[in-house]
Amino acid sequence: MTPDQLLVLGLFLACCAVLALFSAYADSRRPYVGSVLALASLAVLLHGNTRQPGGYDPRDVPDAIYGVIADVVR
């Protein structure tokens, strides 16, 4: 996988983790799934950032997302 794909996957997992954590909080449950998703997203984001020469700047994130979407559509 390319670093851009890893970044987008990590961001997607982070969004899912936030939703799972809020859901567990609202239902007064322990956030097992949300915690696992948060750790997985952190690991994928860090792996993608270390594989990118020079890392990612916050200004590079939209270009990476649109690039991955364009690759999927093609």
C-alpha atoms as a PDB file:
ATOM      1  CA  MET A   1       0.000   0.000   0.000  1.00  0.00           C
ATOM      2  CA  THR A   2       1.141   3.512  -0.706  1.00  0.00           C
ATOM      3  CA  PRO A   3       1.588   6.041   2.107  1.00  0.00           C
ATOM      4  CA  ASP A   4      -1.434   7.977   0.817  1.00  0.00           C
ATOM      5  CA  GLN A   5      -3.619   4.880   1.041  1.00  0.00           C
ATOM      6  CA  LEU A   6      -2.375   4.210   4.565  1.00  0.00           C
ATOM      7  CA  LEU A   7      -3.167   7.781   5.555  1.00  0.00           C
ATOM      8  CA  VAL A   8      -6.713   7.563   4.204  1.00  0.00           C
ATOM      9  CA  LEU A   9      -7.263   4.152   5.843  1.00  0.00           C
ATOM     10  CA  GLY A  10      -6.011   5.514   9.161  1.00  0.00           C
ATOM     11  CA  LEU A  11      -8.311   8.529   8.940  1.00  0.00           C
ATOM     12  CA  PHE A  12     -11.266   6.280   8.117  1.00  0.00           C
ATOM     13  CA  LEU A  13     -10.495   4.022  11.086  1.00  0.00           C
ATOM     14  CA  ALA A  14     -10.143   7.091  13.318  1.00  0.00           C
ATOM     15  CA  CYS A  15     -13.606   8.309  12.297  1.00  0.00           C
ATOM     16  CA  CYS A  16     -15.056   4.874  13.024  1.00  0.00           C
ATOM     17  CA  ALA A  17     -13.263   4.836  16.380  1.00  0.00           C
ATOM     18  CA  VAL A  18     -14.759   8.180  17.394  1.00  0.00           C
ATOM     19  CA  LEU A  19     -18.243   6.958  16.504  1.00  0.00           C
ATOM     20  CA  ALA A  20     -17.722   3.708  18.432  1.00  0.00           C
ATOM     21  CA  LEU A  21     -16.422   5.585  21.470  1.00  0.00           C
ATOM     22  CA  PHE A  22     -19.392   7.978  21.459  1.00  0.00           C
ATOM     23  CA  SER A  23     -21.791   5.067  21.060  1.00  0.00           C
ATOM     24  CA  ALA A  24     -20.256   3.202  23.982  1.00  0.00           C
ATOM     25  CA  TYR A  25     -20.393   6.334  26.124  1.00  0.00           C
ATOM     26  CA  ALA A  26     -24.046   6.950  25.240  1.00  0.00           C
ATOM     27  CA  ASP A  27     -25.016   3.370  26.113  1.00  0.00           C
ATOM     28  CA  SER A  28     -22.866   3.285  29.276  1.00  0.00           C
ATOM     29  CA  ARG A  29     -20.776   0.420  27.928  1.00  0.00           C
ATOM     30  CA  ARG A  30     -17.050  -0.188  27.978  1.00  0.00           C
ATOM     31  CA  PRO A  31     -15.428   1.064  24.757  1.00  0.00           C
ATOM     32  CA  TYR A  32     -13.592  -2.106  23.696  1.00  0.00           C
ATOM     33  CA  VAL A  33     -14.194  -1.772  19.948  1.00  0.00           C
ATOM     34  CA  GLY A  34     -13.578   1.962  19.957  1.00  0.00           C
ATOM     35  CA  SER A  35     -10.295   1.495  21.791  1.00  0.00           C
ATOM     36  CA  VAL A  36      -9.102  -1.183  19.394  1.00  0.00           C
ATOM     37  CA  LEU A  37     -10.079   0.950  16.406  1.00  0.00           C
ATOM     38  CA  ALA A  38      -8.308   3.983  17.873  1.00  0.00           C
ATOM     39  CA  LEU A  39      -5.106   2.002  18.403  1.00  0.00           C
ATOM     40  CA  ALA A  40      -5.318   0.486  14.923  1.00  0.00           C
ATOM     41  CA  SER A  41      -5.878   3.881  13.322  1.00  0.00           C
ATOM     42  CA  LEU A  42      -2.939   5.343  15.224  1.00  0.00           C
ATOM     43  CA  ALA A  43      -0.704   2.489  14.091  1.00  0.00           C
ATOM     44  CA  VAL A  44      -1.770   2.810  10.443  1.00  0.00           C
ATOM     45  CA  LEU A  45      -1.386   6.600  10.489  1.00  0.00           C
ATOM     46  CA  LEU A  46       2.077   6.389  12.000  1.00  0.00           C
ATOM     47  CA  HIS A  47       3.131   3.690   9.540  1.00  0.00           C
ATOM     48  CA  GLY A  48       1.917   5.766   6.603  1.00  0.00           C
ATOM     49  CA  ASN A  49       3.592   8.892   7.935  1.00  0.00           C
ATOM     50  CA  THR A  50       6.944   7.155   8.380  1.00  0.00           C
ATOM     51  CA  ARG A  51       6.830   5.688   4.866  1.00  0.00           C
ATOM     52  CA  GLN A  52       6.252   9.137   3.343  1.00  0.00           C
ATOM     53  CA  PRO A  53       9.593  10.931   2.797  1.00  0.00           C
ATOM     54  CA  GLY A  54       9.509  13.999   5.017  1.00  0.00           C
ATOM     55  CA  GLY A  55       6.176  12.979   6.558  1.00  0.00           C
ATOM     56  CA  TYR A  56       2.825  14.627   5.900  1.00  0.00           C
ATOM     57  CA  ASP A  57       2.036  18.292   6.320  1.00  0.00           C
ATOM     58  CA  PRO A  58      -1.601  19.076   7.188  1.00  0.00           C
ATOM     59  CA  ARG A  59      -1.851  20.870   3.833  1.00  0.00           C
ATOM     60  CA  ASP A  60      -0.996  17.592   2.052  1.00  0.00           C
ATOM     61  CA  VAL A  61      -3.884  15.599   3.530  1.00  0.00           C
ATOM     62  CA  PRO A  62      -6.667  16.761   1.143  1.00  0.00           C
ATOM     63  CA  ASP A  63      -4.468  16.009  -1.891  1.00  0.00           C
ATOM     64  CA  ALA A  64      -3.769  12.538  -0.514  1.00  0.00           C
ATOM     65  CA  ILE A  65      -7.467  11.867   0.076  1.00  0.00           C
ATOM     66  CA  TYR A  66      -8.485  13.053  -3.380  1.00  0.00           C
ATOM     67  CA  GLY A  67      -5.641  11.079  -4.925  1.00  0.00           C
ATOM     68  CA  VAL A  68      -6.792   7.856  -3.270  1.00  0.00           C
ATOM     69  CA  ILE A  69     -10.395   8.498  -4.335  1.00  0.00           C
ATOM     70  CA  ALA A  70      -9.199   9.086  -7.912  1.00  0.00           C
ATOM     71  CA  ASP A  71      -7.227   5.826  -7.826  1.00  0.00           C
ATOM     72  CA  VAL A  72     -10.284   3.912  -6.629  1.00  0.00           C
ATOM     73  CA  VAL A  73     -12.556   5.440  -9.275  1.00  0.00           C
ATOM     74  CA  ARG A  74     -10.101   4.717 -12.093  1.00  0.00           C
END
